[in-house]
Amino acid sequence: MAMITPPADVPPEALQGPDAGGVLTATEAAKLGVEPTQKPRGMLRRSWEVFAENKLALASLGIVLFMVLFTFVGPLIYHTNQVNTNLATYLCKPSAKHLLGCNEVGYDELGRLMVGGQTSLEVGVAAAVVAVMIGTLYGAISGFIGGAVDSLMMRIVDAGLAIPYIMVIIILSVIYHPNPAIMILIIAAFYWLGVARLVRGETLTLRTREYVQAVKVVGGSGLRAVIRHVVPNAIGTIIVQATFAVADSILILSGLGFLGLGITAPATDWGSMLSGGLTYLQGGNYWWLIYPPGIAIILTCIAFNFIGDALRDAFETRLQRR
């Protein structure tokens, strides 16, 4: 309840509410012409306050914003040719003209890092969105219906989780020529299984709430109850899982690129850049081929994980009541 500051001319006995606790209700405050000194905090504000208390999360949010600006705005400022090879700059060292040197075919490494970052972030975010959307809808429907249908749908999820998905992803990457769209579908095709199990567990608790039961009483469809009531009330869990999914998708893409199964050239990603740099690591001190993409992968994935941890705390129901 908002704190009330009484005017000087209001007698003390008038401040006693029905509970004789000296606290005015909103109606009593209006009769006395008293204005509250502050408004109750909203859910978003409380969530932001909890999130802002985590300094690592704030730093991680800054890292993610920097990576987005670096990869998408950077090429507009730092112009490089990432299509045509230039053997005249073969493995050139960092200089004023090439701030991070060049790779084995003469591509400017800093410009390459920006282009590779675009692919990594686009695939990571898009694969996470697709996987979370499919998993959320599947898990919510399974948990809401329950019974034999729920058991059958979860057995399908269990069977999918039992498959060594890394091996399947590698096989699919070999069969199909990797491009960003195909990589998004390949990663999302297996990642949604874990999301579905998590959302299904959340739905089992939400389907017994009064507002969900009211939809059934008034004749509303189950799909309406899922979309309008179950999913919005599980949005905290969904958002947290989405942030973890972005980091995992970037790692999967980087792992495939490191194995040479990533995006087809001349496009690239951070994992493919790291793989190409390792080829020349033994032949000389070509550190600029290794450290920049490796640091970019580590910082980005750790940042998304810290943001996910902070969001989990921010959306925690117990913290919302403090």
C-alpha atoms as a PDB file:
ATOM      1  CA  MET A   1       0.000   0.000   0.000  1.00  0.00           C
ATOM      2  CA  ALA A   2       1.267   3.449  -0.821  1.00  0.00           C
ATOM      3  CA  MET A   3       2.546   5.596   2.064  1.00  0.00           C
ATOM      4  CA  ILE A   4       0.316   8.591   2.897  1.00  0.00           C
ATOM      5  CA  THR A   5       1.597  11.997   4.010  1.00  0.00           C
ATOM      6  CA  PRO A   6      -1.221  13.777   5.901  1.00  0.00           C
ATOM      7  CA  PRO A   7      -1.612  17.562   5.791  1.00  0.00           C
ATOM      8  CA  ALA A   8      -0.891  19.561   8.935  1.00  0.00           C
ATOM      9  CA  ASP A   9      -4.538  20.467   9.558  1.00  0.00           C
ATOM     10  CA  VAL A  10      -5.797  16.863   9.706  1.00  0.00           C
ATOM     11  CA  PRO A  11      -6.366  15.730  13.329  1.00  0.00           C
ATOM     12  CA  PRO A  12      -4.521  12.604  14.436  1.00  0.00           C
ATOM     13  CA  GLU A  13      -7.749  10.700  15.200  1.00  0.00           C
ATOM     14  CA  ALA A  14      -8.818  11.148  11.569  1.00  0.00           C
ATOM     15  CA  LEU A  15      -5.815   9.123  10.482  1.00  0.00           C
ATOM     16  CA  GLN A  16      -7.103   5.979  12.145  1.00  0.00           C
ATOM     17  CA  GLY A  17      -8.534   3.628   9.528  1.00  0.00           C
ATOM     18  CA  PRO A  18     -11.002   0.833  10.190  1.00  0.00           C
ATOM     19  CA  ASP A  19      -8.213  -1.366  11.420  1.00  0.00           C
ATOM     20  CA  ALA A  20      -7.021   1.309  13.893  1.00  0.00           C
ATOM     21  CA  GLY A  21      -3.557   0.803  12.542  1.00  0.00           C
ATOM     22  CA  GLY A  22      -2.996   4.379  11.497  1.00  0.00           C
ATOM     23  CA  VAL A  23      -2.968   3.485   7.778  1.00  0.00           C
ATOM     24  CA  LEU A  24      -5.284   5.251   5.382  1.00  0.00           C
ATOM     25  CA  THR A  25      -7.009   3.480   2.544  1.00  0.00           C
ATOM     26  CA  ALA A  26      -7.207   5.074  -0.889  1.00  0.00           C
ATOM     27  CA  THR A  27     -10.873   6.073  -0.271  1.00  0.00           C
ATOM     28  CA  GLU A  28     -10.130   7.662   3.107  1.00  0.00           C
ATOM     29  CA  ALA A  29      -7.158   9.519   1.656  1.00  0.00           C
ATOM     30  CA  ALA A  30      -9.374  10.946  -1.090  1.00  0.00           C
ATOM     31  CA  LYS A  31     -11.939  12.189   1.481  1.00  0.00           C
ATOM     32  CA  LEU A  32      -9.226  13.972   3.435  1.00  0.00           C
ATOM     33  CA  GLY A  33      -7.607  15.432   0.331  1.00  0.00           C
ATOM     34  CA  VAL A  34      -4.409  13.499   0.948  1.00  0.00           C
ATOM     35  CA  GLU A  35      -2.166  12.460  -1.934  1.00  0.00           C
ATOM     36  CA  PRO A  36       0.112   9.425  -1.767  1.00  0.00           C
ATOM     37  CA  THR A  37       3.816  10.221  -1.806  1.00  0.00           C
ATOM     38  CA  GLN A  38       4.606   7.338  -4.175  1.00  0.00           C
ATOM     39  CA  LYS A  39       2.832   4.896  -6.431  1.00  0.00           C
ATOM     40  CA  PRO A  40       3.035   1.121  -6.061  1.00  0.00           C
ATOM     41  CA  ARG A  41       5.744  -0.403  -8.183  1.00  0.00           C
ATOM     42  CA  GLY A  42       4.625  -2.198 -11.327  1.00  0.00           C
ATOM     43  CA  MET A  43       5.729  -5.696 -12.289  1.00  0.00           C
ATOM     44  CA  LEU A  44       8.095  -4.508 -15.017  1.00  0.00           C
ATOM     45  CA  ARG A  45       9.684  -1.980 -12.690  1.00  0.00           C
ATOM     46  CA  ARG A  46      10.195  -4.569  -9.954  1.00  0.00           C
ATOM     47  CA  SER A  47      11.657  -6.987 -12.501  1.00  0.00           C
ATOM     48  CA  TRP A  48      14.065  -4.322 -13.757  1.00  0.00           C
ATOM     49  CA  GLU A  49      15.122  -3.459 -10.190  1.00  0.00           C
ATOM     50  CA  VAL A  50      15.935  -7.103  -9.495  1.00  0.00           C
ATOM     51  CA  PHE A  51      17.758  -7.389 -12.829  1.00  0.00           C
ATOM     52  CA  ALA A  52      19.719  -4.159 -12.226  1.00  0.00           C
ATOM     53  CA  GLU A  53      21.004  -5.470  -8.891  1.00  0.00           C
ATOM     54  CA  ASN A  54      23.013  -8.061 -10.809  1.00  0.00           C
ATOM     55  CA  LYS A  55      26.107  -6.177 -11.961  1.00  0.00           C
ATOM     56  CA  LEU A  56      27.296  -9.088 -14.085  1.00  0.00           C
ATOM     57  CA  ALA A  57      23.984  -9.033 -15.944  1.00  0.00           C
ATOM     58  CA  LEU A  58      24.291  -5.313 -16.639  1.00  0.00           C
ATOM     59  CA  ALA A  59      27.836  -5.799 -17.908  1.00  0.00           C
ATOM     60  CA  SER A  60      26.650  -8.723 -20.034  1.00  0.00           C
ATOM     61  CA  LEU A  61      23.848  -6.608 -21.474  1.00  0.00           C
ATOM     62  CA  GLY A  62      26.457  -4.033 -22.445  1.00  0.00           C
ATOM     63  CA  ILE A  63      28.563  -6.735 -24.115  1.00  0.00           C
ATOM     64  CA  VAL A  64      25.597  -7.971 -26.153  1.00  0.00           C
ATOM     65  CA  LEU A  65      24.735  -4.437 -27.258  1.00  0.00           C
ATOM     66  CA  PHE A  66      28.372  -3.849 -28.206  1.00  0.00           C
ATOM     67  CA  MET A  67      28.454  -7.070 -30.246  1.00  0.00           C
ATOM     68  CA  VAL A  68      25.274  -6.084 -32.087  1.00  0.00           C
ATOM     69  CA  LEU A  69      26.659  -2.639 -32.929  1.00  0.00           C
ATOM     70  CA  PHE A  70      30.070  -4.072 -33.809  1.00  0.00           C
ATOM     71  CA  THR A  71      28.745  -6.690 -36.216  1.00  0.00           C
ATOM     72  CA  PHE A  72      25.903  -4.780 -37.856  1.00  0.00           C
ATOM     73  CA  VAL A  73      26.979  -1.131 -37.676  1.00  0.00           C
ATOM     74  CA  GLY A  74      30.727  -1.750 -37.859  1.00  0.00           C
ATOM     75  CA  PRO A  75      30.794  -2.780 -41.565  1.00  0.00           C
ATOM     76  CA  LEU A  76      29.068   0.488 -42.448  1.00  0.00           C
ATOM     77  CA  ILE A  77      32.026   2.382 -40.970  1.00  0.00           C
ATOM     78  CA  TYR A  78      34.944   0.003 -41.556  1.00  0.00           C
ATOM     79  CA  HIS A  79      34.637  -0.988 -45.221  1.00  0.00           C
ATOM     80  CA  THR A  80      36.384  -4.171 -46.354  1.00  0.00           C
ATOM     81  CA  ASN A  81      36.144  -6.590 -49.280  1.00  0.00           C
ATOM     82  CA  GLN A  82      34.956  -9.958 -47.984  1.00  0.00           C
ATOM     83  CA  VAL A  83      34.140 -11.476 -51.370  1.00  0.00           C
ATOM     84  CA  ASN A  84      37.258 -11.224 -53.578  1.00  0.00           C
ATOM     85  CA  THR A  85      40.529 -12.744 -52.402  1.00  0.00           C
ATOM     86  CA  ASN A  86      43.720 -10.688 -52.311  1.00  0.00           C
ATOM     87  CA  LEU A  87      46.900 -12.741 -52.134  1.00  0.00           C
ATOM     88  CA  ALA A  88      48.978  -9.559 -51.894  1.00  0.00           C
ATOM     89  CA  THR A  89      47.869  -9.284 -48.260  1.00  0.00           C
ATOM     90  CA  TYR A  90      48.364 -12.978 -47.495  1.00  0.00           C
ATOM     91  CA  LEU A  91      48.625 -13.391 -43.690  1.00  0.00           C
ATOM     92  CA  CYS A  92      49.702  -9.776 -43.275  1.00  0.00           C
ATOM     93  CA  LYS A  93      50.297  -8.642 -39.715  1.00  0.00           C
ATOM     94  CA  PRO A  94      48.109  -6.070 -37.940  1.00  0.00           C
ATOM     95  CA  SER A  95      48.857  -2.553 -39.135  1.00  0.00           C
ATOM     96  CA  ALA A  96      47.202   0.824 -39.533  1.00  0.00           C
ATOM     97  CA  LYS A  97      45.613  -0.357 -42.785  1.00  0.00           C
ATOM     98  CA  HIS A  98      44.517  -3.752 -41.444  1.00  0.00           C
ATOM     99  CA  LEU A  99      43.888  -3.380 -37.719  1.00  0.00           C
ATOM    100  CA  LEU A 100      43.725  -7.129 -37.066  1.00  0.00           C
ATOM    101  CA  GLY A 101      45.804  -8.270 -40.020  1.00  0.00           C
ATOM    102  CA  CYS A 102      44.576 -10.558 -42.803  1.00  0.00           C
ATOM    103  CA  ASN A 103      43.871 -14.268 -43.144  1.00  0.00           C
ATOM    104  CA  GLU A 104      45.213 -16.895 -45.532  1.00  0.00           C
ATOM    105  CA  VAL A 105      43.329 -15.552 -48.569  1.00  0.00           C
ATOM    106  CA  GLY A 106      43.848 -11.869 -47.893  1.00  0.00           C
ATOM    107  CA  TYR A 107      40.549 -11.037 -46.204  1.00  0.00           C
ATOM    108  CA  ASP A 108      40.788  -8.267 -43.617  1.00  0.00           C
ATOM    109  CA  GLU A 109      40.416 -10.075 -40.292  1.00  0.00           C
ATOM    110  CA  LEU A 110      38.557  -7.285 -38.483  1.00  0.00           C
ATOM    111  CA  GLY A 111      36.031  -7.015 -41.292  1.00  0.00           C
ATOM    112  CA  ARG A 112      35.805 -10.798 -41.338  1.00  0.00           C
ATOM    113  CA  LEU A 113      35.080 -10.772 -37.621  1.00  0.00           C
ATOM    114  CA  MET A 114      32.174  -8.383 -38.198  1.00  0.00           C
ATOM    115  CA  VAL A 115      30.714 -10.463 -41.037  1.00  0.00           C
ATOM    116  CA  GLY A 116      31.158 -13.695 -39.090  1.00  0.00           C
ATOM    117  CA  GLY A 117      29.501 -12.093 -36.080  1.00  0.00           C
ATOM    118  CA  GLN A 118      26.471 -11.190 -38.178  1.00  0.00           C
ATOM    119  CA  THR A 119      26.013 -14.820 -39.178  1.00  0.00           C
ATOM    120  CA  SER A 120      26.607 -16.143 -35.664  1.00  0.00           C
ATOM    121  CA  LEU A 121      24.154 -13.747 -34.040  1.00  0.00           C
ATOM    122  CA  GLU A 122      21.512 -14.104 -36.750  1.00  0.00           C
ATOM    123  CA  VAL A 123      21.601 -17.894 -36.675  1.00  0.00           C
ATOM    124  CA  GLY A 124      21.796 -17.990 -32.870  1.00  0.00           C
ATOM    125  CA  VAL A 125      18.847 -15.669 -32.298  1.00  0.00           C
ATOM    126  CA  ALA A 126      16.702 -17.063 -35.126  1.00  0.00           C
ATOM    127  CA  ALA A 127      17.292 -20.699 -34.133  1.00  0.00           C
ATOM    128  CA  ALA A 128      16.458 -19.839 -30.528  1.00  0.00           C
ATOM    129  CA  VAL A 129      13.225 -18.075 -31.541  1.00  0.00           C
ATOM    130  CA  VAL A 130      12.093 -20.969 -33.755  1.00  0.00           C
ATOM    131  CA  ALA A 131      12.970 -23.602 -31.149  1.00  0.00           C
ATOM    132  CA  VAL A 132      11.281 -21.701 -28.317  1.00  0.00           C
ATOM    133  CA  MET A 133       8.114 -21.058 -30.342  1.00  0.00           C
ATOM    134  CA  ILE A 134       7.752 -24.718 -31.334  1.00  0.00           C
ATOM    135  CA  GLY A 135       8.663 -26.018 -27.887  1.00  0.00           C
ATOM    136  CA  THR A 136       6.361 -23.567 -26.101  1.00  0.00           C
ATOM    137  CA  LEU A 137       3.314 -24.441 -28.193  1.00  0.00           C
ATOM    138  CA  TYR A 138       4.006 -28.181 -28.060  1.00  0.00           C
ATOM    139  CA  GLY A 139       4.671 -28.260 -24.332  1.00  0.00           C
ATOM    140  CA  ALA A 140       1.717 -26.006 -23.466  1.00  0.00           C
ATOM    141  CA  ILE A 141      -0.722 -28.125 -25.470  1.00  0.00           C
ATOM    142  CA  SER A 142       0.658 -31.338 -23.999  1.00  0.00           C
ATOM    143  CA  GLY A 143       0.455 -30.122 -20.409  1.00  0.00           C
ATOM    144  CA  PHE A 144      -2.972 -28.528 -20.850  1.00  0.00           C
ATOM    145  CA  ILE A 145      -4.639 -31.591 -22.397  1.00  0.00           C
ATOM    146  CA  GLY A 146      -3.020 -34.088 -20.036  1.00  0.00           C
ATOM    147  CA  GLY A 147      -3.945 -37.743 -19.865  1.00  0.00           C
ATOM    148  CA  ALA A 148      -2.998 -40.192 -22.600  1.00  0.00           C
ATOM    149  CA  VAL A 149      -2.335 -37.431 -25.122  1.00  0.00           C
ATOM    150  CA  ASP A 150       0.183 -35.821 -22.758  1.00  0.00           C
ATOM    151  CA  SER A 151       1.891 -39.167 -22.177  1.00  0.00           C
ATOM    152  CA  LEU A 152       2.163 -39.848 -25.903  1.00  0.00           C
ATOM    153  CA  MET A 153       3.490 -36.370 -26.706  1.00  0.00           C
ATOM    154  CA  MET A 154       6.072 -36.572 -23.924  1.00  0.00           C
ATOM    155  CA  ARG A 155       7.247 -39.993 -25.049  1.00  0.00           C
ATOM    156  CA  ILE A 156       7.973 -38.442 -28.433  1.00  0.00           C
ATOM    157  CA  VAL A 157      10.021 -35.767 -26.656  1.00  0.00           C
ATOM    158  CA  ASP A 158      11.842 -38.400 -24.602  1.00  0.00           C
ATOM    159  CA  ALA A 159      12.692 -40.343 -27.748  1.00  0.00           C
ATOM    160  CA  GLY A 160      14.048 -37.196 -29.383  1.00  0.00           C
ATOM    161  CA  LEU A 161      16.139 -36.300 -26.339  1.00  0.00           C
ATOM    162  CA  ALA A 162      17.604 -39.828 -26.310  1.00  0.00           C
ATOM    163  CA  ILE A 163      19.077 -39.301 -29.780  1.00  0.00           C
ATOM    164  CA  PRO A 164      22.668 -37.956 -29.788  1.00  0.00           C
ATOM    165  CA  TYR A 165      21.638 -34.763 -31.543  1.00  0.00           C
ATOM    166  CA  ILE A 166      25.200 -33.563 -32.152  1.00  0.00           C
ATOM    167  CA  MET A 167      25.858 -36.547 -34.399  1.00  0.00           C
ATOM    168  CA  VAL A 168      22.559 -36.014 -36.228  1.00  0.00           C
ATOM    169  CA  ILE A 169      23.320 -32.318 -36.724  1.00  0.00           C
ATOM    170  CA  ILE A 170      26.743 -33.202 -38.132  1.00  0.00           C
ATOM    171  CA  ILE A 171      25.190 -35.716 -40.531  1.00  0.00           C
ATOM    172  CA  LEU A 172      22.572 -33.198 -41.684  1.00  0.00           C
ATOM    173  CA  SER A 173      25.285 -30.581 -42.167  1.00  0.00           C
ATOM    174  CA  VAL A 174      27.183 -32.988 -44.403  1.00  0.00           C
ATOM    175  CA  ILE A 175      24.106 -33.919 -46.450  1.00  0.00           C
ATOM    176  CA  TYR A 176      22.855 -30.372 -47.006  1.00  0.00           C
ATOM    177  CA  HIS A 177      24.965 -27.436 -48.129  1.00  0.00           C
ATOM    178  CA  PRO A 178      25.037 -25.249 -45.013  1.00  0.00           C
ATOM    179  CA  ASN A 179      23.595 -21.772 -45.298  1.00  0.00           C
ATOM    180  CA  PRO A 180      22.088 -19.621 -42.530  1.00  0.00           C
ATOM    181  CA  ALA A 181      18.499 -20.749 -43.172  1.00  0.00           C
ATOM    182  CA  ILE A 182      19.390 -24.450 -43.148  1.00  0.00           C
ATOM    183  CA  MET A 183      21.543 -24.063 -40.032  1.00  0.00           C
ATOM    184  CA  ILE A 184      18.641 -22.375 -38.237  1.00  0.00           C
ATOM    185  CA  LEU A 185      16.313 -25.264 -39.047  1.00  0.00           C
ATOM    186  CA  ILE A 186      18.886 -27.925 -38.172  1.00  0.00           C
ATOM    187  CA  ILE A 187      19.631 -26.421 -34.749  1.00  0.00           C
ATOM    188  CA  ALA A 188      15.979 -25.671 -33.944  1.00  0.00           C
ATOM    189  CA  ALA A 189      14.896 -29.173 -35.009  1.00  0.00           C
ATOM    190  CA  PHE A 190      16.447 -30.628 -31.859  1.00  0.00           C
ATOM    191  CA  TYR A 191      16.632 -27.763 -29.392  1.00  0.00           C
ATOM    192  CA  TRP A 192      12.847 -27.374 -29.084  1.00  0.00           C
ATOM    193  CA  LEU A 193      12.595 -30.713 -27.266  1.00  0.00           C
ATOM    194  CA  GLY A 194      14.077 -29.384 -24.040  1.00  0.00           C
ATOM    195  CA  VAL A 195      11.940 -26.260 -24.229  1.00  0.00           C
ATOM    196  CA  ALA A 196       8.793 -28.365 -24.640  1.00  0.00           C
ATOM    197  CA  ARG A 197       9.541 -30.381 -21.513  1.00  0.00           C
ATOM    198  CA  LEU A 198      10.148 -27.227 -19.473  1.00  0.00           C
ATOM    199  CA  VAL A 199       6.988 -25.440 -20.649  1.00  0.00           C
ATOM    200  CA  ARG A 200       4.908 -28.578 -20.154  1.00  0.00           C
ATOM    201  CA  GLY A 201       5.916 -28.668 -16.491  1.00  0.00           C
ATOM    202  CA  GLU A 202       4.947 -25.007 -16.106  1.00  0.00           C
ATOM    203  CA  THR A 203       1.610 -25.644 -17.809  1.00  0.00           C
ATOM    204  CA  LEU A 204       0.727 -28.463 -15.398  1.00  0.00           C
ATOM    205  CA  THR A 205       0.638 -25.911 -12.579  1.00  0.00           C
ATOM    206  CA  LEU A 206      -1.054 -23.134 -14.560  1.00  0.00           C
ATOM    207  CA  ARG A 207      -3.948 -25.226 -15.898  1.00  0.00           C
ATOM    208  CA  THR A 208      -5.435 -25.567 -12.405  1.00  0.00           C
ATOM    209  CA  ARG A 209      -5.672 -21.799 -11.870  1.00  0.00           C
ATOM    210  CA  GLU A 210      -9.098 -20.183 -11.610  1.00  0.00           C
ATOM    211  CA  TYR A 211      -8.742 -17.987 -14.696  1.00  0.00           C
ATOM    212  CA  VAL A 212      -7.918 -21.029 -16.835  1.00  0.00           C
ATOM    213  CA  GLN A 213     -10.818 -23.021 -15.442  1.00  0.00           C
ATOM    214  CA  ALA A 214     -13.116 -20.059 -16.120  1.00  0.00           C
ATOM    215  CA  VAL A 215     -12.388 -20.336 -19.838  1.00  0.00           C
ATOM    216  CA  LYS A 216     -13.696 -23.904 -19.812  1.00  0.00           C
ATOM    217  CA  VAL A 217     -16.790 -22.899 -17.847  1.00  0.00           C
ATOM    218  CA  VAL A 218     -17.796 -20.211 -20.366  1.00  0.00           C
ATOM    219  CA  GLY A 219     -17.252 -22.626 -23.263  1.00  0.00           C
ATOM    220  CA  GLY A 220     -13.915 -21.338 -24.504  1.00  0.00           C
ATOM    221  CA  SER A 221     -11.699 -23.648 -26.537  1.00  0.00           C
ATOM    222  CA  GLY A 222      -8.594 -25.255 -25.141  1.00  0.00           C
ATOM    223  CA  LEU A 223      -6.424 -23.543 -27.747  1.00  0.00           C
ATOM    224  CA  ARG A 224      -7.731 -20.160 -26.622  1.00  0.00           C
ATOM    225  CA  ALA A 225      -6.941 -20.989 -23.004  1.00  0.00           C
ATOM    226  CA  VAL A 226      -3.412 -22.012 -23.977  1.00  0.00           C
ATOM    227  CA  ILE A 227      -2.664 -18.959 -26.138  1.00  0.00           C
ATOM    228  CA  ARG A 228      -4.470 -16.302 -24.071  1.00  0.00           C
ATOM    229  CA  HIS A 229      -3.799 -17.515 -20.524  1.00  0.00           C
ATOM    230  CA  VAL A 230      -1.256 -20.320 -20.162  1.00  0.00           C
ATOM    231  CA  VAL A 231       1.517 -19.047 -22.445  1.00  0.00           C
ATOM    232  CA  PRO A 232       1.373 -15.377 -21.255  1.00  0.00           C
ATOM    233  CA  ASN A 233       1.619 -16.488 -17.624  1.00  0.00           C
ATOM    234  CA  ALA A 234       4.624 -18.676 -18.435  1.00  0.00           C
ATOM    235  CA  ILE A 235       6.373 -15.871 -20.326  1.00  0.00           C
ATOM    236  CA  GLY A 236       9.042 -15.484 -17.655  1.00  0.00           C
ATOM    237  CA  THR A 237      10.190 -19.077 -18.034  1.00  0.00           C
ATOM    238  CA  ILE A 238      10.006 -18.790 -21.818  1.00  0.00           C
ATOM    239  CA  ILE A 239      12.137 -15.631 -21.982  1.00  0.00           C
ATOM    240  CA  VAL A 240      14.774 -17.098 -19.688  1.00  0.00           C
ATOM    241  CA  GLN A 241      14.959 -20.258 -21.773  1.00  0.00           C
ATOM    242  CA  ALA A 242      15.215 -18.156 -24.936  1.00  0.00           C
ATOM    243  CA  THR A 243      18.343 -16.382 -23.688  1.00  0.00           C
ATOM    244  CA  PHE A 244      20.004 -19.701 -22.893  1.00  0.00           C
ATOM    245  CA  ALA A 245      18.928 -20.998 -26.306  1.00  0.00           C
ATOM    246  CA  VAL A 246      20.722 -18.129 -28.058  1.00  0.00           C
ATOM    247  CA  ALA A 247      24.001 -18.964 -26.324  1.00  0.00           C
ATOM    248  CA  ASP A 248      23.614 -22.692 -27.018  1.00  0.00           C
ATOM    249  CA  SER A 249      22.777 -22.059 -30.693  1.00  0.00           C
ATOM    250  CA  ILE A 250      25.866 -19.889 -31.142  1.00  0.00           C
ATOM    251  CA  LEU A 251      27.991 -22.615 -29.554  1.00  0.00           C
ATOM    252  CA  ILE A 252      26.485 -25.309 -31.794  1.00  0.00           C
ATOM    253  CA  LEU A 253      27.072 -23.208 -34.900  1.00  0.00           C
ATOM    254  CA  SER A 254      30.625 -22.438 -33.779  1.00  0.00           C
ATOM    255  CA  GLY A 255      31.283 -26.118 -33.152  1.00  0.00           C
ATOM    256  CA  LEU A 256      30.077 -27.057 -36.623  1.00  0.00           C
ATOM    257  CA  GLY A 257      32.146 -24.269 -38.134  1.00  0.00           C
ATOM    258  CA  PHE A 258      35.194 -25.452 -36.202  1.00  0.00           C
ATOM    259  CA  LEU A 259      34.719 -28.919 -37.701  1.00  0.00           C
ATOM    260  CA  GLY A 260      34.496 -27.412 -41.176  1.00  0.00           C
ATOM    261  CA  LEU A 261      30.743 -28.000 -41.429  1.00  0.00           C
ATOM    262  CA  GLY A 262      29.642 -24.408 -40.922  1.00  0.00           C
ATOM    263  CA  ILE A 263      28.448 -21.756 -43.312  1.00  0.00           C
ATOM    264  CA  THR A 264      29.670 -22.159 -46.912  1.00  0.00           C
ATOM    265  CA  ALA A 265      32.301 -19.642 -48.087  1.00  0.00           C
ATOM    266  CA  PRO A 266      32.563 -16.782 -48.855  1.00  0.00           C
ATOM    267  CA  ALA A 267      30.172 -16.375 -45.916  1.00  0.00           C
ATOM    268  CA  THR A 268      31.639 -17.271 -42.557  1.00  0.00           C
ATOM    269  CA  ASP A 269      30.989 -17.476 -38.845  1.00  0.00           C
ATOM    270  CA  TRP A 270      33.180 -17.222 -35.766  1.00  0.00           C
ATOM    271  CA  GLY A 271      33.659 -20.986 -35.540  1.00  0.00           C
ATOM    272  CA  SER A 272      34.840 -21.241 -39.156  1.00  0.00           C
ATOM    273  CA  MET A 273      37.281 -18.373 -38.559  1.00  0.00           C
ATOM    274  CA  LEU A 274      38.675 -20.160 -35.518  1.00  0.00           C
ATOM    275  CA  SER A 275      39.080 -23.373 -37.496  1.00  0.00           C
ATOM    276  CA  GLY A 276      40.914 -21.596 -40.300  1.00  0.00           C
ATOM    277  CA  GLY A 277      43.257 -19.922 -37.851  1.00  0.00           C
ATOM    278  CA  LEU A 278      44.266 -23.182 -36.168  1.00  0.00           C
ATOM    279  CA  THR A 279      45.664 -24.410 -39.483  1.00  0.00           C
ATOM    280  CA  TYR A 280      48.370 -21.747 -39.339  1.00  0.00           C
ATOM    281  CA  LEU A 281      48.921 -21.746 -35.593  1.00  0.00           C
ATOM    282  CA  GLN A 282      51.779 -24.247 -35.727  1.00  0.00           C
ATOM    283  CA  GLY A 283      53.526 -22.531 -38.621  1.00  0.00           C
ATOM    284  CA  GLY A 284      53.965 -19.135 -36.981  1.00  0.00           C
ATOM    285  CA  ASN A 285      52.685 -16.649 -34.443  1.00  0.00           C
ATOM    286  CA  TYR A 286      49.452 -15.762 -36.241  1.00  0.00           C
ATOM    287  CA  TRP A 287      47.612 -14.877 -33.055  1.00  0.00           C
ATOM    288  CA  TRP A 288      45.184 -12.531 -34.839  1.00  0.00           C
ATOM    289  CA  LEU A 289      43.600 -15.549 -36.541  1.00  0.00           C
ATOM    290  CA  ILE A 290      42.825 -17.258 -33.217  1.00  0.00           C
ATOM    291  CA  TYR A 291      42.159 -14.873 -30.368  1.00  0.00           C
ATOM    292  CA  PRO A 292      39.595 -12.431 -31.865  1.00  0.00           C
ATOM    293  CA  PRO A 293      37.005 -15.050 -32.932  1.00  0.00           C
ATOM    294  CA  GLY A 294      37.640 -17.151 -29.838  1.00  0.00           C
ATOM    295  CA  ILE A 295      37.175 -14.207 -27.487  1.00  0.00           C
ATOM    296  CA  ALA A 296      34.045 -13.127 -29.380  1.00  0.00           C
ATOM    297  CA  ILE A 297      32.469 -16.584 -28.965  1.00  0.00           C
ATOM    298  CA  ILE A 298      33.319 -16.783 -25.258  1.00  0.00           C
ATOM    299  CA  LEU A 299      32.174 -13.266 -24.384  1.00  0.00           C
ATOM    300  CA  THR A 300      28.902 -13.508 -26.305  1.00  0.00           C
ATOM    301  CA  CYS A 301      27.870 -16.893 -24.913  1.00  0.00           C
ATOM    302  CA  ILE A 302      28.826 -15.998 -21.332  1.00  0.00           C
ATOM    303  CA  ALA A 303      26.937 -12.704 -21.653  1.00  0.00           C
ATOM    304  CA  PHE A 304      23.724 -14.413 -22.750  1.00  0.00           C
ATOM    305  CA  ASN A 305      24.047 -16.937 -19.925  1.00  0.00           C
ATOM    306  CA  PHE A 306      24.483 -14.211 -17.298  1.00  0.00           C
ATOM    307  CA  ILE A 307      21.498 -12.335 -18.732  1.00  0.00           C
ATOM    308  CA  GLY A 308      19.443 -15.527 -18.534  1.00  0.00           C
ATOM    309  CA  ASP A 309      20.421 -16.050 -14.884  1.00  0.00           C
ATOM    310  CA  ALA A 310      19.419 -12.477 -14.031  1.00  0.00           C
ATOM    311  CA  LEU A 311      16.116 -12.754 -15.886  1.00  0.00           C
ATOM    312  CA  ARG A 312      15.340 -15.947 -14.014  1.00  0.00           C
ATOM    313  CA  ASP A 313      15.762 -14.058 -10.738  1.00  0.00           C
ATOM    314  CA  ALA A 314      13.772 -11.088 -12.042  1.00  0.00           C
ATOM    315  CA  PHE A 315      10.794 -13.221 -13.054  1.00  0.00           C
ATOM    316  CA  GLU A 316      10.868 -15.336  -9.916  1.00  0.00           C
ATOM    317  CA  THR A 317       7.471 -14.994  -8.222  1.00  0.00           C
ATOM    318  CA  ARG A 318       8.910 -14.830  -4.748  1.00  0.00           C
ATOM    319  CA  LEU A 319      11.048 -11.817  -5.666  1.00  0.00           C
ATOM    320  CA  GLN A 320       8.074 -10.053  -7.239  1.00  0.00           C
ATOM    321  CA  ARG A 321       6.381  -9.924  -3.826  1.00  0.00           C
ATOM    322  CA  ARG A 322       9.146  -8.251  -1.906  1.00  0.00           C
END
